[in-house]
Amino acid sequence: RSGALAWSHQAGTPIVALVSSPRFGHLIVQSEIETWAIRPDGEVRWRLAHSDVVAAAALVGGRLVLTSVAGQVQSIDPTTGQRAA
């Protein structure tokens, strides 16, 4: 609230999206090849690596929906990082 830096996160590839919701207690950082859930204290809650480059990320119906550059779509539970079956 003061404008002071609370934490910082280093990503090895460009950031595609930042996703947040009051329903979960972390921020989702989506880079081209990884997804992180980062808690308010800056610690990583969960991390997920991807085999293809992510081109788009959106929170849809309570799921994190990722679309790769090849057009593949995957659904992830944003609270746990588990892929949907």
C-alpha atoms as a PDB file:
ATOM      1  CA  ARG A   1       0.000   0.000   0.000  1.00  0.00           C
ATOM      2  CA  SER A   2       2.949   2.313   0.534  1.00  0.00           C
ATOM      3  CA  GLY A   3       4.277   1.732  -2.965  1.00  0.00           C
ATOM      4  CA  ALA A   4       7.418   0.049  -1.603  1.00  0.00           C
ATOM      5  CA  LEU A   5       8.567  -3.104  -3.381  1.00  0.00           C
ATOM      6  CA  ALA A   6       7.162  -6.095  -1.477  1.00  0.00           C
ATOM      7  CA  TRP A   7       8.936  -8.829  -3.492  1.00  0.00           C
ATOM      8  CA  SER A   8      10.369  -9.536  -6.913  1.00  0.00           C
ATOM      9  CA  HIS A   9      10.456 -12.661  -9.053  1.00  0.00           C
ATOM     10  CA  GLN A  10      13.002 -13.530 -11.736  1.00  0.00           C
ATOM     11  CA  ALA A  11      11.664 -15.315 -14.835  1.00  0.00           C
ATOM     12  CA  GLY A  12      13.901 -16.808 -17.513  1.00  0.00           C
ATOM     13  CA  THR A  13      11.458 -16.082 -20.349  1.00  0.00           C
ATOM     14  CA  PRO A  14       9.015 -13.237 -21.083  1.00  0.00           C
ATOM     15  CA  ILE A  15       5.940 -12.875 -18.866  1.00  0.00           C
ATOM     16  CA  VAL A  16       2.698 -13.661 -20.740  1.00  0.00           C
ATOM     17  CA  ALA A  17       0.177 -12.799 -18.001  1.00  0.00           C
ATOM     18  CA  LEU A  18      -0.362 -11.991 -14.348  1.00  0.00           C
ATOM     19  CA  VAL A  19      -3.568 -13.488 -12.955  1.00  0.00           C
ATOM     20  CA  SER A  20      -5.129 -12.833  -9.572  1.00  0.00           C
ATOM     21  CA  SER A  21      -8.427 -13.372  -7.831  1.00  0.00           C
ATOM     22  CA  PRO A  22      -9.625 -12.721  -4.285  1.00  0.00           C
ATOM     23  CA  ARG A  23     -10.593 -16.415  -4.206  1.00  0.00           C
ATOM     24  CA  PHE A  24      -7.010 -17.618  -3.866  1.00  0.00           C
ATOM     25  CA  GLY A  25      -4.233 -16.169  -1.731  1.00  0.00           C
ATOM     26  CA  HIS A  26      -1.526 -15.828  -4.349  1.00  0.00           C
ATOM     27  CA  LEU A  27      -0.669 -14.190  -7.652  1.00  0.00           C
ATOM     28  CA  ILE A  28      -0.175 -16.359 -10.729  1.00  0.00           C
ATOM     29  CA  VAL A  29       2.790 -15.405 -12.885  1.00  0.00           C
ATOM     30  CA  GLN A  30       2.667 -16.960 -16.350  1.00  0.00           C
ATOM     31  CA  SER A  31       5.825 -16.925 -18.443  1.00  0.00           C
ATOM     32  CA  GLU A  32       6.291 -18.564 -21.831  1.00  0.00           C
ATOM     33  CA  ILE A  33       7.390 -21.887 -20.316  1.00  0.00           C
ATOM     34  CA  GLU A  34       6.510 -21.830 -16.593  1.00  0.00           C
ATOM     35  CA  THR A  35       3.648 -20.970 -14.266  1.00  0.00           C
ATOM     36  CA  TRP A  36       4.225 -19.868 -10.672  1.00  0.00           C
ATOM     37  CA  ALA A  37       1.835 -19.159  -7.818  1.00  0.00           C
ATOM     38  CA  ILE A  38       3.496 -16.553  -5.618  1.00  0.00           C
ATOM     39  CA  ARG A  39       2.287 -15.867  -2.079  1.00  0.00           C
ATOM     40  CA  PRO A  40       2.056 -12.321  -0.672  1.00  0.00           C
ATOM     41  CA  ASP A  41       5.417 -12.819   1.096  1.00  0.00           C
ATOM     42  CA  GLY A  42       7.097 -13.558  -2.279  1.00  0.00           C
ATOM     43  CA  GLU A  43       7.543 -17.296  -1.703  1.00  0.00           C
ATOM     44  CA  VAL A  44       6.563 -19.728  -4.459  1.00  0.00           C
ATOM     45  CA  ARG A  45       3.471 -21.734  -3.485  1.00  0.00           C
ATOM     46  CA  TRP A  46       3.637 -23.998  -6.542  1.00  0.00           C
ATOM     47  CA  ARG A  47       5.441 -24.125  -9.886  1.00  0.00           C
ATOM     48  CA  LEU A  48       4.554 -25.850 -13.139  1.00  0.00           C
ATOM     49  CA  ALA A  49       6.837 -26.249 -16.184  1.00  0.00           C
ATOM     50  CA  HIS A  50       5.408 -26.555 -19.705  1.00  0.00           C
ATOM     51  CA  SER A  51       6.697 -28.480 -22.714  1.00  0.00           C
ATOM     52  CA  ASP A  52       5.412 -25.911 -25.243  1.00  0.00           C
ATOM     53  CA  VAL A  53       5.514 -22.118 -25.264  1.00  0.00           C
ATOM     54  CA  VAL A  54       2.421 -20.572 -23.655  1.00  0.00           C
ATOM     55  CA  ALA A  55       0.930 -17.805 -25.807  1.00  0.00           C
ATOM     56  CA  ALA A  56      -2.127 -16.918 -23.694  1.00  0.00           C
ATOM     57  CA  ALA A  57      -3.421 -17.403 -20.161  1.00  0.00           C
ATOM     58  CA  ALA A  58      -6.837 -16.592 -18.721  1.00  0.00           C
ATOM     59  CA  LEU A  59      -8.919 -17.358 -15.653  1.00  0.00           C
ATOM     60  CA  VAL A  60     -12.110 -18.975 -17.006  1.00  0.00           C
ATOM     61  CA  GLY A  61     -14.769 -20.610 -14.859  1.00  0.00           C
ATOM     62  CA  GLY A  62     -12.443 -20.922 -11.898  1.00  0.00           C
ATOM     63  CA  ARG A  63      -9.701 -22.607 -13.966  1.00  0.00           C
ATOM     64  CA  LEU A  64      -6.465 -21.249 -15.381  1.00  0.00           C
ATOM     65  CA  VAL A  65      -6.679 -21.935 -19.110  1.00  0.00           C
ATOM     66  CA  LEU A  66      -3.377 -21.913 -21.009  1.00  0.00           C
ATOM     67  CA  THR A  67      -3.068 -21.909 -24.792  1.00  0.00           C
ATOM     68  CA  SER A  68       0.239 -22.834 -26.419  1.00  0.00           C
ATOM     69  CA  VAL A  69       1.629 -21.352 -29.634  1.00  0.00           C
ATOM     70  CA  ALA A  70       0.695 -24.667 -31.299  1.00  0.00           C
ATOM     71  CA  GLY A  71      -2.947 -24.177 -30.232  1.00  0.00           C
ATOM     72  CA  GLN A  72      -2.992 -26.814 -27.481  1.00  0.00           C
ATOM     73  CA  VAL A  73      -5.195 -25.892 -24.520  1.00  0.00           C
ATOM     74  CA  GLN A  74      -4.743 -27.081 -20.962  1.00  0.00           C
ATOM     75  CA  SER A  75      -6.730 -26.383 -17.821  1.00  0.00           C
ATOM     76  CA  ILE A  76      -5.073 -25.936 -14.435  1.00  0.00           C
ATOM     77  CA  ASP A  77      -6.520 -25.609 -10.944  1.00  0.00           C
ATOM     78  CA  PRO A  78      -5.191 -22.160  -9.932  1.00  0.00           C
ATOM     79  CA  THR A  79      -5.168 -22.994  -6.217  1.00  0.00           C
ATOM     80  CA  THR A  80      -3.087 -26.198  -6.461  1.00  0.00           C
ATOM     81  CA  GLY A  81      -1.355 -26.098  -9.852  1.00  0.00           C
ATOM     82  CA  GLN A  82      -2.764 -29.533 -10.724  1.00  0.00           C
ATOM     83  CA  ARG A  83      -3.603 -30.152 -14.373  1.00  0.00           C
ATOM     84  CA  ALA A  84      -7.208 -31.098 -15.079  1.00  0.00           C
ATOM     85  CA  ALA A  85      -7.810 -34.549 -16.500  1.00  0.00           C
END
